[in-house]
Amino acid sequence: TTYRRVNCDFQGDIKIRSAWFSGFEVYGLQVYDVAGYGALDSVKLRQASDRESGQMEFDIHCNKSGAATSYWRCDFQEGKPIQLPLDVLFTDSAQRKLEVNNVITTLASGLGGLTFNTGKNF
């Protein structure tokens, strides 16, 4: 049996659920409702203030955590204060990139996590 990934014509926007863990160095997020091939290869973050200062690089890298395919763990630099909002760069399994600015506006996770609507999808 041969399988191949097909494009999904999902009509909604990508959603991000915030989850803050173990002090100020570890931030987690879950990504939902990804259209296109539905699989993300990478998620990166950047402080909007860095972009406004001319930095185009997304310097906060997030890694898939465990078996949960939608959960990403993002490691902030220890001792570096985080300035909100955060921009997000998604790269899907076809290496298409989607940049969303000013989407994460708080790191507080709240009960069940806070959800941010990106307003975009692949």
Foldseek 3Di string as FASTA:
>chain_A
DDDDQFWFPQDFFKKKFWDDDDPDFKTKIFIDRATTSRAWPWKFKDAVVCVVVPDPDRDWTWDDDPPPRRMTMTTDDPPDDGDDDMKMWTAGPVRDIDIAPRFRGDNDQPDPGDMTGRRDHD
